[in-house]
Amino acid sequence: MQGSSSRPSPTLRVCSHCGAPYRWERSSADLRLTFCSWSCERHSLGTTLEALLGAWSHVPAGWRYLLSA
């Protein structure tokens, strides 16, 4: 068959929490390359990255590149 490949698409990832395949571009999680949704992120980590950073009034400059994606 033309066009079929045994390699997964580079845009499809597998969620670390639930194991479901997902497109990382459409993930609602802050850690998009790890979790398919904010719900899986919260269940796996116990909180979300946004909630942890919300407790800080200042985000270190070294972390800004991580959050700009």
N, C-alpha and C. Protein backbone atom coordinates (compact mmCIF):
# COMPACT_ATOMS: atom_id res chain seq x y z
N MET A 1 0.82 -1.18 0.00
CA MET A 1 0.00 0.00 0.00
C MET A 1 0.87 1.24 0.00
N GLN A 2 0.54 2.18 -0.80
CA GLN A 2 1.26 3.43 -0.82
C GLN A 2 0.78 4.33 0.29
N GLY A 3 1.73 5.05 0.89
CA GLY A 3 1.36 5.99 1.92
C GLY A 3 1.26 5.40 3.31
N SER A 4 1.21 4.07 3.44
CA SER A 4 1.14 3.49 4.77
C SER A 4 2.56 3.24 5.28
N SER A 5 2.73 3.40 6.54
CA SER A 5 4.04 3.26 7.15
C SER A 5 3.86 2.66 8.53
N SER A 6 4.86 1.89 8.98
CA SER A 6 4.78 1.31 10.31
C SER A 6 5.25 2.31 11.36
N ARG A 7 5.88 3.41 10.93
CA ARG A 7 6.33 4.42 11.87
C ARG A 7 5.17 5.34 12.24
N PRO A 8 5.06 5.69 13.52
CA PRO A 8 3.99 6.61 13.92
C PRO A 8 4.28 8.01 13.41
N SER A 9 3.26 8.80 13.28
CA SER A 9 3.40 10.18 12.85
C SER A 9 4.19 10.96 13.89
N PRO A 10 5.08 11.87 13.45
CA PRO A 10 5.86 12.64 14.44
C PRO A 10 5.00 13.58 15.28
N THR A 11 3.77 13.86 14.84
CA THR A 11 2.91 14.74 15.62
C THR A 11 2.08 13.95 16.64
N LEU A 12 2.04 12.64 16.53
CA LEU A 12 1.30 11.83 17.49
C LEU A 12 2.21 11.41 18.64
N ARG A 13 1.71 11.56 19.84
CA ARG A 13 2.43 11.16 21.04
C ARG A 13 1.53 10.20 21.82
N VAL A 14 2.08 9.56 22.83
CA VAL A 14 1.31 8.69 23.71
C VAL A 14 1.33 9.31 25.11
N CYS A 15 0.16 9.51 25.66
CA CYS A 15 0.02 10.14 26.97
C CYS A 15 0.68 9.28 28.05
N SER A 16 1.48 9.91 28.90
CA SER A 16 2.15 9.19 29.98
C SER A 16 1.20 8.70 31.06
N HIS A 17 0.04 9.33 31.17
CA HIS A 17 -0.91 8.93 32.21
C HIS A 17 -1.89 7.87 31.73
N CYS A 18 -2.61 8.17 30.65
CA CYS A 18 -3.67 7.25 30.21
C CYS A 18 -3.26 6.33 29.06
N GLY A 19 -2.14 6.64 28.40
CA GLY A 19 -1.66 5.78 27.31
C GLY A 19 -2.34 5.99 25.97
N ALA A 20 -3.21 6.99 25.87
CA ALA A 20 -3.93 7.26 24.63
C ALA A 20 -3.04 8.03 23.65
N PRO A 21 -3.13 7.72 22.36
CA PRO A 21 -2.41 8.53 21.38
C PRO A 21 -3.09 9.89 21.21
N TYR A 22 -2.30 10.93 21.02
CA TYR A 22 -2.87 12.27 20.86
C TYR A 22 -1.93 13.13 20.03
N ARG A 23 -2.46 14.22 19.49
CA ARG A 23 -1.65 15.21 18.77
C ARG A 23 -1.18 16.25 19.78
N TRP A 24 0.11 16.36 19.96
CA TRP A 24 0.63 17.24 21.01
C TRP A 24 0.26 18.70 20.77
N GLU A 25 0.04 19.10 19.51
CA GLU A 25 -0.32 20.49 19.22
C GLU A 25 -1.68 20.86 19.81
N ARG A 26 -2.55 19.89 19.99
CA ARG A 26 -3.91 20.13 20.47
C ARG A 26 -4.08 19.83 21.96
N SER A 27 -3.02 19.46 22.62
CA SER A 27 -3.10 19.14 24.04
C SER A 27 -3.40 20.38 24.87
N SER A 28 -4.26 20.24 25.87
CA SER A 28 -4.57 21.35 26.77
C SER A 28 -3.64 21.39 27.98
N ALA A 29 -2.73 20.43 28.08
CA ALA A 29 -1.80 20.38 29.21
C ALA A 29 -0.68 21.40 29.03
N ASP A 30 -0.11 21.84 30.13
CA ASP A 30 1.07 22.70 30.06
C ASP A 30 2.27 21.90 29.58
N LEU A 31 2.36 20.65 29.96
CA LEU A 31 3.42 19.76 29.51
C LEU A 31 2.90 18.96 28.31
N ARG A 32 2.77 19.63 27.18
CA ARG A 32 2.10 19.07 26.00
C ARG A 32 2.74 17.82 25.42
N LEU A 33 4.06 17.68 25.55
CA LEU A 33 4.72 16.52 24.98
C LEU A 33 4.65 15.30 25.90
N THR A 34 4.02 15.46 27.04
CA THR A 34 3.92 14.36 28.00
C THR A 34 2.49 13.91 28.24
N PHE A 35 1.55 14.87 28.32
CA PHE A 35 0.16 14.55 28.66
C PHE A 35 -0.80 15.02 27.58
N CYS A 36 -1.89 14.28 27.39
CA CYS A 36 -2.87 14.61 26.36
C CYS A 36 -3.82 15.72 26.79
N SER A 37 -3.99 15.92 28.09
CA SER A 37 -4.92 16.94 28.59
C SER A 37 -4.48 17.43 29.96
N TRP A 38 -5.08 18.55 30.37
CA TRP A 38 -4.77 19.07 31.71
C TRP A 38 -5.22 18.09 32.78
N SER A 39 -6.27 17.33 32.48
CA SER A 39 -6.78 16.36 33.44
C SER A 39 -5.75 15.26 33.71
N CYS A 40 -5.15 14.72 32.66
CA CYS A 40 -4.12 13.69 32.84
C CYS A 40 -2.89 14.26 33.54
N GLU A 41 -2.55 15.50 33.19
CA GLU A 41 -1.41 16.16 33.84
C GLU A 41 -1.67 16.28 35.34
N ARG A 42 -2.86 16.73 35.69
CA ARG A 42 -3.22 16.92 37.11
C ARG A 42 -3.26 15.59 37.86
N HIS A 43 -3.84 14.57 37.24
CA HIS A 43 -3.93 13.27 37.91
C HIS A 43 -2.56 12.65 38.10
N SER A 44 -1.68 12.81 37.13
CA SER A 44 -0.36 12.21 37.22
C SER A 44 0.56 12.96 38.17
N LEU A 45 0.54 14.30 38.12
CA LEU A 45 1.44 15.11 38.94
C LEU A 45 0.84 15.54 40.26
N GLY A 46 -0.48 15.48 40.38
CA GLY A 46 -1.15 15.95 41.57
C GLY A 46 -1.51 17.43 41.51
N THR A 47 -1.03 18.11 40.50
CA THR A 47 -1.31 19.53 40.27
C THR A 47 -0.94 19.85 38.83
N THR A 48 -1.14 21.08 38.42
CA THR A 48 -0.72 21.49 37.07
C THR A 48 0.45 22.44 37.18
N LEU A 49 1.22 22.56 36.13
CA LEU A 49 2.35 23.47 36.09
C LEU A 49 1.88 24.91 36.31
N GLU A 50 0.75 25.25 35.72
CA GLU A 50 0.19 26.59 35.86
C GLU A 50 -0.11 26.91 37.33
N ALA A 51 -0.66 25.96 38.07
CA ALA A 51 -0.98 26.17 39.48
C ALA A 51 0.29 26.35 40.30
N LEU A 52 1.33 25.59 39.99
CA LEU A 52 2.59 25.73 40.71
C LEU A 52 3.22 27.09 40.46
N LEU A 53 3.22 27.52 39.22
CA LEU A 53 3.83 28.81 38.88
C LEU A 53 2.98 29.98 39.37
N GLY A 54 1.68 29.78 39.51
CA GLY A 54 0.81 30.83 40.02
C GLY A 54 1.13 31.22 41.45
N ALA A 55 1.75 30.32 42.19
CA ALA A 55 2.13 30.60 43.57
C ALA A 55 3.36 31.49 43.62
N TRP A 56 4.08 31.60 42.51
CA TRP A 56 5.28 32.44 42.46
C TRP A 56 4.92 33.80 41.90
N SER A 57 5.44 34.83 42.50
CA SER A 57 5.22 36.17 41.94
C SER A 57 6.26 36.50 40.88
N HIS A 58 7.36 35.75 40.87
CA HIS A 58 8.42 35.98 39.89
C HIS A 58 8.84 34.64 39.29
N VAL A 59 8.87 34.57 37.98
CA VAL A 59 9.33 33.37 37.28
C VAL A 59 10.79 33.59 36.91
N PRO A 60 11.70 32.69 37.30
CA PRO A 60 13.11 32.87 36.96
C PRO A 60 13.31 33.00 35.45
N ALA A 61 14.23 33.85 35.05
CA ALA A 61 14.49 34.11 33.62
C ALA A 61 14.86 32.83 32.87
N GLY A 62 15.54 31.92 33.53
CA GLY A 62 15.94 30.67 32.90
C GLY A 62 14.77 29.77 32.53
N TRP A 63 13.62 29.99 33.14
CA TRP A 63 12.44 29.17 32.87
C TRP A 63 11.55 29.76 31.80
N ARG A 64 11.75 31.02 31.44
CA ARG A 64 10.87 31.70 30.49
C ARG A 64 10.80 30.99 29.14
N TYR A 65 11.91 30.46 28.67
CA TYR A 65 11.90 29.76 27.38
C TYR A 65 11.04 28.51 27.43
N LEU A 66 10.94 27.88 28.58
CA LEU A 66 10.09 26.69 28.70
C LEU A 66 8.61 27.04 28.62
N LEU A 67 8.25 28.20 29.13
CA LEU A 67 6.86 28.58 29.20
C LEU A 67 6.38 29.32 27.96
N SER A 68 7.28 29.69 27.07
CA SER A 68 6.90 30.47 25.89
C SER A 68 6.43 29.60 24.74
N ALA A 69 6.50 28.30 24.87
CA ALA A 69 6.14 27.40 23.76
C ALA A 69 4.66 27.37 23.52
